[in-house]
Protein backbone atom coordinates (compact mmCIF):
# COMPACT_ATOMS: atom_id res chain seq x y z
CA MET A 1 108.36 114.59 92.89
CA GLU A 2 112.07 115.24 91.99
CA ARG A 3 114.36 117.70 93.67
CA GLN A 4 116.46 120.05 91.70
CA THR A 5 119.76 120.55 93.63
CA SER A 6 122.13 123.15 92.17
CA GLU A 7 125.65 121.72 92.59
CA ARG A 8 128.48 124.17 93.57
CA ARG A 9 131.86 123.70 93.69
CA ARG A 10 134.60 125.48 95.68
CA ARG A 11 136.36 127.75 93.29
CA ILE A 12 140.09 127.56 94.02
CA PHE A 13 142.11 130.92 93.31
CA PRO A 14 145.69 131.42 92.93
CA ALA A 15 147.64 133.55 95.48
CA ALA A 16 148.19 135.87 92.90
CA PHE A 17 144.69 136.44 92.44
CA LYS A 18 143.81 136.74 95.51
CA ARG A 19 146.60 139.88 96.54
CA GLU A 20 145.25 141.58 93.23
CA ALA A 21 142.09 141.84 94.28
CA ALA A 22 143.04 142.50 97.67
CA LEU A 23 144.73 145.51 96.17
CA ARG A 24 142.00 146.33 94.17
CA VAL A 25 139.89 147.14 96.82
CA THR A 26 142.14 149.07 98.84
CA LYS A 27 143.55 151.24 95.83
CA SER A 28 140.60 151.75 93.88
CA GLY A 29 138.32 153.49 96.27
CA GLN A 30 135.26 151.76 95.35
CA PRO A 31 133.58 150.18 97.64
CA ILE A 32 134.21 146.29 98.49
CA VAL A 33 130.51 145.11 97.44
CA ARG A 34 131.29 146.37 93.90
CA VAL A 35 134.46 144.90 93.65
CA GLY A 36 132.86 141.80 94.98
CA GLU A 37 130.02 141.90 92.14
CA GLU A 38 132.56 142.39 89.36
CA LEU A 39 135.22 139.56 90.25
CA GLU A 40 131.79 137.54 91.08
CA LEU A 41 133.00 137.11 94.57
CA HIS A 42 131.46 137.71 97.83
CA GLU A 43 132.08 140.44 100.04
CA ARG A 44 133.35 138.42 102.79
CA VAL A 45 136.07 136.44 100.64
CA LEU A 46 137.50 139.81 99.72
CA ARG A 47 137.60 140.83 103.48
CA ARG A 48 139.24 137.57 104.18
CA TRP A 49 142.01 138.34 101.40
CA ILE A 50 142.47 141.59 102.86
CA ALA A 51 143.12 140.54 106.38
CA SER A 52 145.50 137.79 104.68
CA TYR A 53 147.40 140.24 102.12
CA GLY A 54 147.06 143.97 103.45
CA SER A 55 147.00 147.01 101.47
CA GLU A 56 149.86 146.14 100.15
CA GLY A 57 149.20 142.51 98.81
CA THR A 58 152.29 140.68 100.74
CA ALA A 59 150.98 138.44 103.17
CA LEU A 60 150.98 139.45 106.67
CA GLN A 61 152.54 137.63 109.20
CA ARG A 62 151.37 136.46 112.35
CA ARG A 63 152.44 138.95 115.41
CA PRO A 64 152.58 136.18 118.22
CA THR A 65 150.11 136.44 121.17
CA ALA A 66 150.47 136.93 124.74
CA GLN A 67 150.05 132.91 125.24
CA SER A 68 153.54 132.46 122.76
CA VAL A 69 155.49 135.14 124.76
CA ALA A 70 154.49 133.94 128.41
CA PRO A 71 157.36 132.14 130.23
CA SER A 72 156.85 128.44 129.99
CA PRO A 73 156.05 126.65 133.60
CA ALA A 74 159.56 125.25 133.80
CA ASP A 75 160.64 128.35 133.32
CA LEU A 76 158.69 129.61 136.02
CA THR A 77 159.75 126.88 137.75
CA LEU A 78 163.70 127.67 137.63
CA GLU A 79 162.86 130.92 139.36
């Protein structure tokens, strides 16, 4: 008996599309699930894009973590 497999290809979207989708969710007031259905995207994908591009559609800069701000061992030795 042959096993049927559905081959899913990973879709790649340009940054402009991701920004527009993130803006559509944040500006329209529609539920993220509904926008996802309209764009044929999973809500997790949209949430990730909103986290990346913010509500203004611009790429967010990562803030430095406490670990990257802490003095290095060499600095501590000098003190």
